[in-house]
Amino acid sequence: MEKAYSFRFYPTPEQESLLRRTLGCVRLVDNKALHLRT
């Protein structure tokens, strides 16, 4: 039998800012890679 775990993340304002910036960069790189493949 497999068990599933659920986690909730409550970032501090500083962590949220860093997370938004990091995900923005990842989204940019992903979109550019997708553009190169098409």
PDB file of N, CA and C in Angstrom:
ATOM      1  N   MET A   1       0.841  -1.170   0.000  1.00  0.00           N
ATOM      2  CA  MET A   1       0.000   0.000   0.000  1.00  0.00           C
ATOM      3  C   MET A   1       0.897   1.249   0.000  1.00  0.00           C
ATOM      4  N   GLU A   2       0.580   2.212  -0.862  1.00  0.00           N
ATOM      5  CA  GLU A   2       1.351   3.445  -0.927  1.00  0.00           C
ATOM      6  C   GLU A   2       0.638   4.543  -0.157  1.00  0.00           C
ATOM      7  N   LYS A   3       1.421   5.373   0.500  1.00  0.00           N
ATOM      8  CA  LYS A   3       0.862   6.508   1.230  1.00  0.00           C
ATOM      9  C   LYS A   3       1.209   7.784   0.486  1.00  0.00           C
ATOM     10  N   ALA A   4       0.331   8.734   0.525  1.00  0.00           N
ATOM     11  CA  ALA A   4       0.574  10.022  -0.109  1.00  0.00           C
ATOM     12  C   ALA A   4       0.765  11.076   0.979  1.00  0.00           C
ATOM     13  N   TYR A   5       1.679  11.971   0.726  1.00  0.00           N
ATOM     14  CA  TYR A   5       1.937  13.056   1.662  1.00  0.00           C
ATOM     15  C   TYR A   5       1.633  14.379   0.986  1.00  0.00           C
ATOM     16  N   SER A   6       1.116  15.298   1.737  1.00  0.00           N
ATOM     17  CA  SER A   6       0.802  16.621   1.219  1.00  0.00           C
ATOM     18  C   SER A   6       1.547  17.652   2.066  1.00  0.00           C
ATOM     19  N   PHE A   7       2.184  18.593   1.403  1.00  0.00           N
ATOM     20  CA  PHE A   7       2.945  19.617   2.104  1.00  0.00           C
ATOM     21  C   PHE A   7       2.432  20.989   1.707  1.00  0.00           C
ATOM     22  N   ARG A   8       2.433  21.900   2.650  1.00  0.00           N
ATOM     23  CA  ARG A   8       2.026  23.285   2.399  1.00  0.00           C
ATOM     24  C   ARG A   8       3.209  24.170   2.740  1.00  0.00           C
ATOM     25  N   PHE A   9       3.493  25.136   1.886  1.00  0.00           N
ATOM     26  CA  PHE A   9       4.648  26.010   2.049  1.00  0.00           C
ATOM     27  C   PHE A   9       4.161  27.425   2.325  1.00  0.00           C
ATOM     28  N   TYR A  10       4.592  28.014   3.429  1.00  0.00           N
ATOM     29  CA  TYR A  10       4.241  29.389   3.780  1.00  0.00           C
ATOM     30  C   TYR A  10       5.525  30.221   3.772  1.00  0.00           C
ATOM     31  N   PRO A  11       5.876  30.768   2.604  1.00  0.00           N
ATOM     32  CA  PRO A  11       7.148  31.489   2.514  1.00  0.00           C
ATOM     33  C   PRO A  11       7.093  32.850   3.210  1.00  0.00           C
ATOM     34  N   THR A  12       8.251  33.272   3.680  1.00  0.00           N
ATOM     35  CA  THR A  12       8.374  34.628   4.206  1.00  0.00           C
ATOM     36  C   THR A  12       8.346  35.570   3.002  1.00  0.00           C
ATOM     37  N   PRO A  13       8.131  36.864   3.217  1.00  0.00           N
ATOM     38  CA  PRO A  13       8.147  37.793   2.073  1.00  0.00           C
ATOM     39  C   PRO A  13       9.454  37.734   1.277  1.00  0.00           C
ATOM     40  N   GLU A  14      10.576  37.546   1.965  1.00  0.00           N
ATOM     41  CA  GLU A  14      11.865  37.452   1.272  1.00  0.00           C
ATOM     42  C   GLU A  14      11.933  36.191   0.414  1.00  0.00           C
ATOM     43  N   GLN A  15      11.467  35.073   0.948  1.00  0.00           N
ATOM     44  CA  GLN A  15      11.457  33.823   0.188  1.00  0.00           C
ATOM     45  C   GLN A  15      10.504  33.921  -0.996  1.00  0.00           C
ATOM     46  N   GLU A  16       9.368  34.570  -0.808  1.00  0.00           N
ATOM     47  CA  GLU A  16       8.396  34.716  -1.890  1.00  0.00           C
ATOM     48  C   GLU A  16       8.978  35.530  -3.034  1.00  0.00           C
ATOM     49  N   SER A  17       9.699  36.601  -2.693  1.00  0.00           N
ATOM     50  CA  SER A  17      10.333  37.428  -3.716  1.00  0.00           C
ATOM     51  C   SER A  17      11.357  36.623  -4.513  1.00  0.00           C
ATOM     52  N   LEU A  18      12.194  35.862  -3.815  1.00  0.00           N
ATOM     53  CA  LEU A  18      13.206  35.042  -4.486  1.00  0.00           C
ATOM     54  C   LEU A  18      12.553  33.964  -5.343  1.00  0.00           C
ATOM     55  N   LEU A  19      11.491  33.358  -4.840  1.00  0.00           N
ATOM     56  CA  LEU A  19      10.784  32.318  -5.579  1.00  0.00           C
ATOM     57  C   LEU A  19      10.162  32.878  -6.856  1.00  0.00           C
ATOM     58  N   ARG A  20       9.532  34.044  -6.753  1.00  0.00           N
ATOM     59  CA  ARG A  20       8.937  34.667  -7.947  1.00  0.00           C
ATOM     60  C   ARG A  20      10.001  34.991  -8.989  1.00  0.00           C
ATOM     61  N   ARG A  21      11.149  35.513  -8.540  1.00  0.00           N
ATOM     62  CA  ARG A  21      12.228  35.855  -9.462  1.00  0.00           C
ATOM     63  C   ARG A  21      12.782  34.602 -10.132  1.00  0.00           C
ATOM     64  N   THR A  22      12.992  33.552  -9.345  1.00  0.00           N
ATOM     65  CA  THR A  22      13.525  32.295  -9.880  1.00  0.00           C
ATOM     66  C   THR A  22      12.568  31.681 -10.892  1.00  0.00           C
ATOM     67  N   LEU A  23      11.278  31.627 -10.552  1.00  0.00           N
ATOM     68  CA  LEU A  23      10.296  31.043 -11.472  1.00  0.00           C
ATOM     69  C   LEU A  23      10.146  31.885 -12.733  1.00  0.00           C
ATOM     70  N   GLY A  24      10.301  33.192 -12.607  1.00  0.00           N
ATOM     71  CA  GLY A  24      10.258  34.056 -13.787  1.00  0.00           C
ATOM     72  C   GLY A  24      11.394  33.724 -14.743  1.00  0.00           C
ATOM     73  N   CYS A  25      12.592  33.507 -14.194  1.00  0.00           N
ATOM     74  CA  CYS A  25      13.749  33.140 -15.026  1.00  0.00           C
ATOM     75  C   CYS A  25      13.542  31.777 -15.673  1.00  0.00           C
ATOM     76  N   VAL A  26      13.019  30.836 -14.908  1.00  0.00           N
ATOM     77  CA  VAL A  26      12.760  29.493 -15.442  1.00  0.00           C
ATOM     78  C   VAL A  26      11.744  29.568 -16.576  1.00  0.00           C
ATOM     79  N   ARG A  27      10.707  30.367 -16.399  1.00  0.00           N
ATOM     80  CA  ARG A  27       9.678  30.511 -17.432  1.00  0.00           C
ATOM     81  C   ARG A  27      10.278  31.106 -18.702  1.00  0.00           C
ATOM     82  N   LEU A  28      11.159  32.104 -18.542  1.00  0.00           N
ATOM     83  CA  LEU A  28      11.805  32.731 -19.690  1.00  0.00           C
ATOM     84  C   LEU A  28      12.658  31.722 -20.460  1.00  0.00           C
ATOM     85  N   VAL A  29      13.472  30.961 -19.750  1.00  0.00           N
ATOM     86  CA  VAL A  29      14.340  29.960 -20.392  1.00  0.00           C
ATOM     87  C   VAL A  29      13.495  28.893 -21.079  1.00  0.00           C
ATOM     88  N   ASP A  30      12.435  28.443 -20.417  1.00  0.00           N
ATOM     89  CA  ASP A  30      11.566  27.415 -20.991  1.00  0.00           C
ATOM     90  C   ASP A  30      10.905  27.918 -22.272  1.00  0.00           C
ATOM     91  N   ASN A  31      10.416  29.154 -22.250  1.00  0.00           N
ATOM     92  CA  ASN A  31       9.775  29.714 -23.445  1.00  0.00           C
ATOM     93  C   ASN A  31      10.768  29.859 -24.593  1.00  0.00           C
ATOM     94  N   LYS A  32      12.002  30.266 -24.287  1.00  0.00           N
ATOM     95  CA  LYS A  32      13.014  30.389 -25.340  1.00  0.00           C
ATOM     96  C   LYS A  32      13.369  29.016 -25.919  1.00  0.00           C
ATOM     97  N   ALA A  33      13.474  28.003 -25.057  1.00  0.00           N
ATOM     98  CA  ALA A  33      13.767  26.645 -25.527  1.00  0.00           C
ATOM     99  C   ALA A  33      12.625  26.131 -26.400  1.00  0.00           C
ATOM    100  N   LEU A  34      11.403  26.402 -25.998  1.00  0.00           N
ATOM    101  CA  LEU A  34      10.247  25.984 -26.791  1.00  0.00           C
ATOM    102  C   LEU A  34      10.255  26.673 -28.150  1.00  0.00           C
ATOM    103  N   HIS A  35      10.619  27.954 -28.170  1.00  0.00           N
ATOM    104  CA  HIS A  35      10.681  28.701 -29.429  1.00  0.00           C
ATOM    105  C   HIS A  35      11.748  28.110 -30.361  1.00  0.00           C
ATOM    106  N   LEU A  36      12.867  27.686 -29.802  1.00  0.00           N
ATOM    107  CA  LEU A  36      13.933  27.104 -30.626  1.00  0.00           C
ATOM    108  C   LEU A  36      13.529  25.765 -31.225  1.00  0.00           C
ATOM    109  N   ARG A  37      12.666  25.029 -30.536  1.00  0.00           N
ATOM    110  CA  ARG A  37      12.233  23.715 -31.028  1.00  0.00           C
ATOM    111  C   ARG A  37      11.196  23.825 -32.137  1.00  0.00           C
ATOM    112  N   THR A  38      10.521  24.956 -32.241  1.00  0.00           N
ATOM    113  CA  THR A  38       9.459  25.084 -33.255  1.00  0.00           C
ATOM    114  C   THR A  38       9.966  25.774 -34.496  1.00  0.00           C
TER     115      THR A  38
END
